[in-house]
C-alpha atoms as a PDB file:
ATOM      1  CA  MET A   1       0.000   0.000   0.000  1.00  0.00           C
ATOM      2  CA  THR A   2       1.238   3.459  -0.837  1.00  0.00           C
ATOM      3  CA  ALA A   3       2.242   5.557   2.150  1.00  0.00           C
ATOM      4  CA  PRO A   4       0.113   8.624   3.046  1.00  0.00           C
ATOM      5  CA  VAL A   5       2.294  11.202   1.366  1.00  0.00           C
ATOM      6  CA  LYS A   6       1.669  14.665  -0.015  1.00  0.00           C
ATOM      7  CA  LEU A   7       3.542  15.534  -3.203  1.00  0.00           C
ATOM      8  CA  GLN A   8       4.779  19.055  -3.845  1.00  0.00           C
ATOM      9  CA  HIS A   9       5.788  20.098  -7.376  1.00  0.00           C
ATOM     10  CA  TYR A  10       8.512  22.603  -8.184  1.00  0.00           C
ATOM     11  CA  THR A  11       9.320  24.139 -11.566  1.00  0.00           C
ATOM     12  CA  ALA A  12      11.993  26.493 -10.234  1.00  0.00           C
ATOM     13  CA  LEU A  13      14.840  25.516  -7.947  1.00  0.00           C
ATOM     14  CA  PRO A  14      15.110  28.276  -5.310  1.00  0.00           C
ATOM     15  CA  ARG A  15      12.212  27.107  -3.092  1.00  0.00           C
ATOM     16  CA  ALA A  16      13.296  23.455  -3.268  1.00  0.00           C
ATOM     17  CA  ARG A  17      17.113  23.607  -3.431  1.00  0.00           C
ATOM     18  CA  GLN A  18      18.051  23.216   0.234  1.00  0.00           C
ATOM     19  CA  LYS A  19      15.341  20.592   0.817  1.00  0.00           C
ATOM     20  CA  LEU A  20      16.641  18.571  -2.160  1.00  0.00           C
ATOM     21  CA  ILE A  21      20.220  18.789  -0.884  1.00  0.00           C
ATOM     22  CA  ASP A  22      19.131  17.745   2.619  1.00  0.00           C
ATOM     23  CA  LEU A  23      17.159  14.801   1.236  1.00  0.00           C
ATOM     24  CA  TYR A  24      20.051  13.766  -0.990  1.00  0.00           C
ATOM     25  CA  THR A  25      22.512  13.729   1.924  1.00  0.00           C
ATOM     26  CA  ASP A  26      20.088  11.615   3.958  1.00  0.00           C
ATOM     27  CA  VAL A  27      19.285   9.170   1.136  1.00  0.00           C
ATOM     28  CA  ARG A  28      22.910   8.832  -0.038  1.00  0.00           C
ATOM     29  CA  ALA A  29      24.563   9.020   3.420  1.00  0.00           C
ATOM     30  CA  GLU A  30      26.557   5.793   2.955  1.00  0.00           C
ATOM     31  CA  LEU A  31      28.016   7.031  -0.357  1.00  0.00           C
ATOM     32  CA  LEU A  32      28.915  10.624   0.505  1.00  0.00           C
ATOM     33  CA  HIS A  33      32.593   9.740   0.960  1.00  0.00           C
ATOM     34  CA  LEU A  34      32.866   8.816  -2.738  1.00  0.00           C
ATOM     35  CA  PRO A  35      33.921  11.672  -5.070  1.00  0.00           C
ATOM     36  CA  ASN A  36      30.881  11.517  -7.378  1.00  0.00           C
ATOM     37  CA  TYR A  37      28.421  11.343  -4.462  1.00  0.00           C
ATOM     38  CA  ARG A  38      29.704  14.218  -2.299  1.00  0.00           C
ATOM     39  CA  ALA A  39      27.012  16.715  -1.316  1.00  0.00           C
ATOM     40  CA  ASP A  40      28.833  19.637  -2.962  1.00  0.00           C
ATOM     41  CA  VAL A  41      29.096  17.677  -6.234  1.00  0.00           C
ATOM     42  CA  PHE A  42      25.370  16.919  -6.046  1.00  0.00           C
ATOM     43  CA  ALA A  43      24.601  20.615  -5.414  1.00  0.00           C
ATOM     44  CA  GLU A  44      26.599  21.591  -8.508  1.00  0.00           C
ATOM     45  CA  ARG A  45      24.755  18.973 -10.612  1.00  0.00           C
ATOM     46  CA  LEU A  46      21.415  20.098  -9.216  1.00  0.00           C
ATOM     47  CA  ASP A  47      22.107  23.724 -10.107  1.00  0.00           C
ATOM     48  CA  ARG A  48      23.201  22.754 -13.634  1.00  0.00           C
ATOM     49  CA  HIS A  49      20.188  20.475 -14.192  1.00  0.00           C
ATOM     50  CA  ALA A  50      17.719  23.056 -12.849  1.00  0.00           C
ATOM     51  CA  ALA A  51      18.995  25.568 -15.409  1.00  0.00           C
ATOM     52  CA  GLU A  52      18.172  23.179 -18.256  1.00  0.00           C
ATOM     53  CA  PRO A  53      14.843  23.187 -20.149  1.00  0.00           C
ATOM     54  CA  GLY A  54      11.862  21.404 -18.680  1.00  0.00           C
ATOM     55  CA  TRP A  55      13.246  21.074 -15.139  1.00  0.00           C
ATOM     56  CA  GLN A  56      10.695  19.850 -12.638  1.00  0.00           C
ATOM     57  CA  GLY A  57      11.044  18.437  -9.141  1.00  0.00           C
ATOM     58  CA  VAL A  58       8.729  16.581  -6.795  1.00  0.00           C
ATOM     59  CA  ILE A  59       9.230  16.295  -3.045  1.00  0.00           C
ATOM     60  CA  ALA A  60       7.180  13.876  -0.953  1.00  0.00           C
ATOM     61  CA  TYR A  61       6.111  14.921   2.532  1.00  0.00           C
ATOM     62  CA  VAL A  62       4.594  13.028   5.423  1.00  0.00           C
ATOM     63  CA  GLY A  63       3.289  15.760   7.642  1.00  0.00           C
ATOM     64  CA  ASP A  64       6.033  18.401   7.614  1.00  0.00           C
ATOM     65  CA  ALA A  65       8.846  15.893   7.040  1.00  0.00           C
ATOM     66  CA  ALA A  66      10.302  15.503   3.554  1.00  0.00           C
ATOM     67  CA  VAL A  67      10.729  11.771   2.856  1.00  0.00           C
ATOM     68  CA  GLY A  68      11.584  11.524  -0.836  1.00  0.00           C
ATOM     69  CA  TYR A  69      12.314  13.399  -4.007  1.00  0.00           C
ATOM     70  CA  ALA A  70      12.833  13.182  -7.733  1.00  0.00           C
ATOM     71  CA  TYR A  71      13.650  15.639 -10.451  1.00  0.00           C
ATOM     72  CA  ALA A  72      13.896  15.560 -14.217  1.00  0.00           C
ATOM     73  CA  ASN A  73      14.414  17.754 -17.231  1.00  0.00           C
ATOM     74  CA  THR A  74      14.008  17.624 -20.988  1.00  0.00           C
ATOM     75  CA  ILE A  75      16.903  16.340 -23.084  1.00  0.00           C
ATOM     76  CA  GLU A  76      17.143  16.951 -26.799  1.00  0.00           C
ATOM     77  CA  PRO A  77      18.202  14.330 -29.370  1.00  0.00           C
ATOM     78  CA  ASP A  78      21.726  15.814 -29.497  1.00  0.00           C
ATOM     79  CA  ASP A  79      22.102  16.114 -25.701  1.00  0.00           C
ATOM     80  CA  ARG A  80      25.322  14.956 -24.063  1.00  0.00           C
ATOM     81  CA  TRP A  81      23.171  12.424 -22.167  1.00  0.00           C
ATOM     82  CA  TRP A  82      23.038  10.401 -25.383  1.00  0.00           C
ATOM     83  CA  ALA A  83      26.499  11.368 -26.659  1.00  0.00           C
ATOM     84  CA  ARG A  84      28.259   9.725 -23.693  1.00  0.00           C
ATOM     85  CA  MET A  85      26.723   6.310 -24.378  1.00  0.00           C
ATOM     86  CA  THR A  86      29.223   3.521 -25.112  1.00  0.00           C
ATOM     87  CA  THR A  87      27.191   2.440 -28.149  1.00  0.00           C
ATOM     88  CA  PRO A  88      24.778   4.510 -30.253  1.00  0.00           C
ATOM     89  CA  VAL A  89      21.237   4.601 -28.906  1.00  0.00           C
ATOM     90  CA  SER A  90      18.303   3.555 -31.057  1.00  0.00           C
ATOM     91  CA  ALA A  91      16.710   6.459 -32.910  1.00  0.00           C
ATOM     92  CA  LEU A  92      13.480   5.378 -31.225  1.00  0.00           C
ATOM     93  CA  TYR A  93      14.648   7.241 -28.090  1.00  0.00           C
ATOM     94  CA  THR A  94      16.401  10.167 -29.759  1.00  0.00           C
ATOM     95  CA  ALA A  95      13.967  11.087 -32.537  1.00  0.00           C
ATOM     96  CA  ALA A  96      12.283  13.614 -30.228  1.00  0.00           C
ATOM     97  CA  PRO A  97      13.060  15.210 -26.886  1.00  0.00           C
ATOM     98  CA  ALA A  98      12.929  12.823 -23.922  1.00  0.00           C
ATOM     99  CA  VAL A  99      12.507  13.377 -20.204  1.00  0.00           C
ATOM    100  CA  ALA A 100      15.573  12.409 -18.169  1.00  0.00           C
ATOM    101  CA  VAL A 101      14.898  11.424 -14.570  1.00  0.00           C
ATOM    102  CA  LYS A 102      18.118  12.734 -13.061  1.00  0.00           C
ATOM    103  CA  GLU A 103      17.569  11.819  -9.391  1.00  0.00           C
ATOM    104  CA  ILE A 104      15.121   9.837  -7.327  1.00  0.00           C
ATOM    105  CA  GLY A 105      15.467   8.867  -3.692  1.00  0.00           C
ATOM    106  CA  VAL A 106      13.487   7.994  -0.591  1.00  0.00           C
ATOM    107  CA  THR A 107      14.628   8.084   3.029  1.00  0.00           C
ATOM    108  CA  THR A 108      15.224   4.695   4.636  1.00  0.00           C
ATOM    109  CA  PRO A 109      12.076   4.552   6.823  1.00  0.00           C
ATOM    110  CA  TRP A 110       9.877   5.142   3.764  1.00  0.00           C
ATOM    111  CA  ARG A 111      11.477   2.676   1.358  1.00  0.00           C
ATOM    112  CA  GLY A 112       9.444  -0.304   0.242  1.00  0.00           C
ATOM    113  CA  LYS A 113       6.135   1.519   0.766  1.00  0.00           C
ATOM    114  CA  GLY A 114       5.454   2.687  -2.782  1.00  0.00           C
ATOM    115  CA  VAL A 115       6.724   6.229  -2.207  1.00  0.00           C
ATOM    116  CA  ALA A 116       9.405   6.162  -4.922  1.00  0.00           C
ATOM    117  CA  ARG A 117       6.959   4.857  -7.512  1.00  0.00           C
ATOM    118  CA  ARG A 118       4.368   7.441  -6.574  1.00  0.00           C
ATOM    119  CA  ILE A 119       6.922  10.281  -6.838  1.00  0.00           C
ATOM    120  CA  HIS A 120       8.190   8.918 -10.170  1.00  0.00           C
ATOM    121  CA  ASP A 121       4.735   8.506 -11.688  1.00  0.00           C
ATOM    122  CA  ASP A 122       3.661  11.949 -10.516  1.00  0.00           C
ATOM    123  CA  LEU A 123       6.836  13.488 -11.965  1.00  0.00           C
ATOM    124  CA  LEU A 124       6.018  11.980 -15.371  1.00  0.00           C
ATOM    125  CA  ALA A 125       2.236  12.504 -15.276  1.00  0.00           C
ATOM    126  CA  ASP A 126       2.133  15.785 -17.193  1.00  0.00           C
ATOM    127  CA  ARG A 127       5.256  15.367 -19.335  1.00  0.00           C
ATOM    128  CA  SER A 128       4.828  15.707 -23.088  1.00  0.00           C
ATOM    129  CA  GLU A 129       7.947  13.768 -24.108  1.00  0.00           C
ATOM    130  CA  PRO A 130       7.288  10.277 -25.520  1.00  0.00           C
ATOM    131  CA  TYR A 131      10.110   8.550 -23.586  1.00  0.00           C
ATOM    132  CA  ALA A 132      11.615   8.711 -20.126  1.00  0.00           C
ATOM    133  CA  THR A 133      15.200   7.741 -19.446  1.00  0.00           C
ATOM    134  CA  LEU A 134      17.339   7.358 -16.359  1.00  0.00           C
ATOM    135  CA  MET A 135      20.740   6.053 -15.344  1.00  0.00           C
ATOM    136  CA  VAL A 136      21.342   3.545 -12.590  1.00  0.00           C
ATOM    137  CA  ASN A 137      24.382   1.938 -11.049  1.00  0.00           C
ATOM    138  CA  PRO A 138      23.792  -1.786 -11.709  1.00  0.00           C
ATOM    139  CA  ALA A 139      25.513  -2.545  -8.389  1.00  0.00           C
ATOM    140  CA  ALA A 140      23.153  -0.327  -6.348  1.00  0.00           C
ATOM    141  CA  GLY A 141      21.392  -2.417  -3.763  1.00  0.00           C
ATOM    142  CA  ASP A 142      23.079  -5.512  -5.188  1.00  0.00           C
ATOM    143  CA  GLY A 143      21.085  -4.993  -8.398  1.00  0.00           C
ATOM    144  CA  LYS A 144      17.750  -4.412  -6.674  1.00  0.00           C
ATOM    145  CA  VAL A 145      17.472  -0.778  -7.785  1.00  0.00           C
ATOM    146  CA  GLN A 146      17.805  -1.711 -11.455  1.00  0.00           C
ATOM    147  CA  GLN A 147      15.276  -4.519 -10.933  1.00  0.00           C
ATOM    148  CA  LEU A 148      12.890  -2.008  -9.370  1.00  0.00           C
ATOM    149  CA  TYR A 149      13.137   0.211 -12.460  1.00  0.00           C
ATOM    150  CA  GLU A 150      12.603  -2.816 -14.694  1.00  0.00           C
ATOM    151  CA  GLY A 151       9.401  -3.436 -12.736  1.00  0.00           C
ATOM    152  CA  TRP A 152       8.360   0.124 -13.628  1.00  0.00           C
ATOM    153  CA  GLY A 153       8.745  -0.689 -17.328  1.00  0.00           C
ATOM    154  CA  TYR A 154      12.310   0.498 -17.952  1.00  0.00           C
ATOM    155  CA  THR A 155      14.720  -1.540 -20.070  1.00  0.00           C
ATOM    156  CA  VAL A 156      18.481  -1.159 -20.419  1.00  0.00           C
ATOM    157  CA  ILE A 157      19.363   0.595 -23.676  1.00  0.00           C
ATOM    158  CA  GLY A 158      23.101   1.060 -23.122  1.00  0.00           C
ATOM    159  CA  GLU A 159      25.916   1.939 -20.760  1.00  0.00           C
ATOM    160  CA  VAL A 160      27.430   5.293 -19.866  1.00  0.00           C
ATOM    161  CA  GLN A 161      30.107   6.713 -17.599  1.00  0.00           C
ATOM    162  CA  PRO A 162      29.013  10.325 -17.005  1.00  0.00           C
ATOM    163  CA  SER A 163      32.342  11.375 -15.479  1.00  0.00           C
ATOM    164  CA  PRO A 164      35.712   9.785 -14.689  1.00  0.00           C
ATOM    165  CA  GLU A 165      34.690   9.613 -10.999  1.00  0.00           C
ATOM    166  CA  SER A 166      31.389   7.906 -11.789  1.00  0.00           C
ATOM    167  CA  PRO A 167      30.867   4.179 -12.010  1.00  0.00           C
ATOM    168  CA  VAL A 168      29.666   2.749 -15.318  1.00  0.00           C
ATOM    169  CA  LEU A 169      25.897   3.129 -15.295  1.00  0.00           C
ATOM    170  CA  ALA A 170      23.090   1.383 -17.116  1.00  0.00           C
ATOM    171  CA  CYS A 171      20.998   3.786 -19.186  1.00  0.00           C
ATOM    172  CA  MET A 172      17.353   2.721 -19.126  1.00  0.00           C
ATOM    173  CA  ALA A 173      14.290   3.979 -20.992  1.00  0.00           C
ATOM    174  CA  ARG A 174      10.549   3.445 -21.201  1.00  0.00           C
ATOM    175  CA  PRO A 175       7.524   5.154 -22.740  1.00  0.00           C
ATOM    176  CA  VAL A 176       6.271   8.034 -20.567  1.00  0.00           C
ATOM    177  CA  ARG A 177       2.741   6.665 -20.966  1.00  0.00           C
ATOM    178  CA  ASP A 178       1.453   3.190 -21.632  1.00  0.00           C
ATOM    179  CA  GLY A 179       0.978   2.662 -25.341  1.00  0.00           C
ATOM    180  CA  ALA A 180       3.674   5.153 -26.439  1.00  0.00           C
ATOM    181  CA  LYS A 181       5.592   3.845 -29.408  1.00  0.00           C
END
């Protein structure tokens, strides 16, 4: 059963920035010692992503406590997202702009309760792009995170290493809505 959460949408970063950074440091606490996961590196990525077209964030609250988040933005067919892939991506995904889910996370007490899926689905609900894409570390949660995304309809379409400090990630995609082709 989905937890009793309230979802708050943001289309501009200033009101959400510190809350997103706080959530990130809570969700990724065990990884913050790694160069690509440091809080300051996340803050720089967040600022860069929020300046890109189509940025939107969703924060989940239970009462006044923030318990999860996700954000995404539009990527064009010639975006570096696609250019960094180890093999060319099918034109199916790059023929039109896509929505890139850049971050999604839920605090430990709220994991396994449907919160991440609810945030994700709400983030995509009003998107006009035909496809959604995201990157995941295949080792995250001993593979369970990638399996979770597969359960949400994502399939692996390639591999990417976004930066020298980053692990090799699986790039996944799915239609934004059921029946998209």
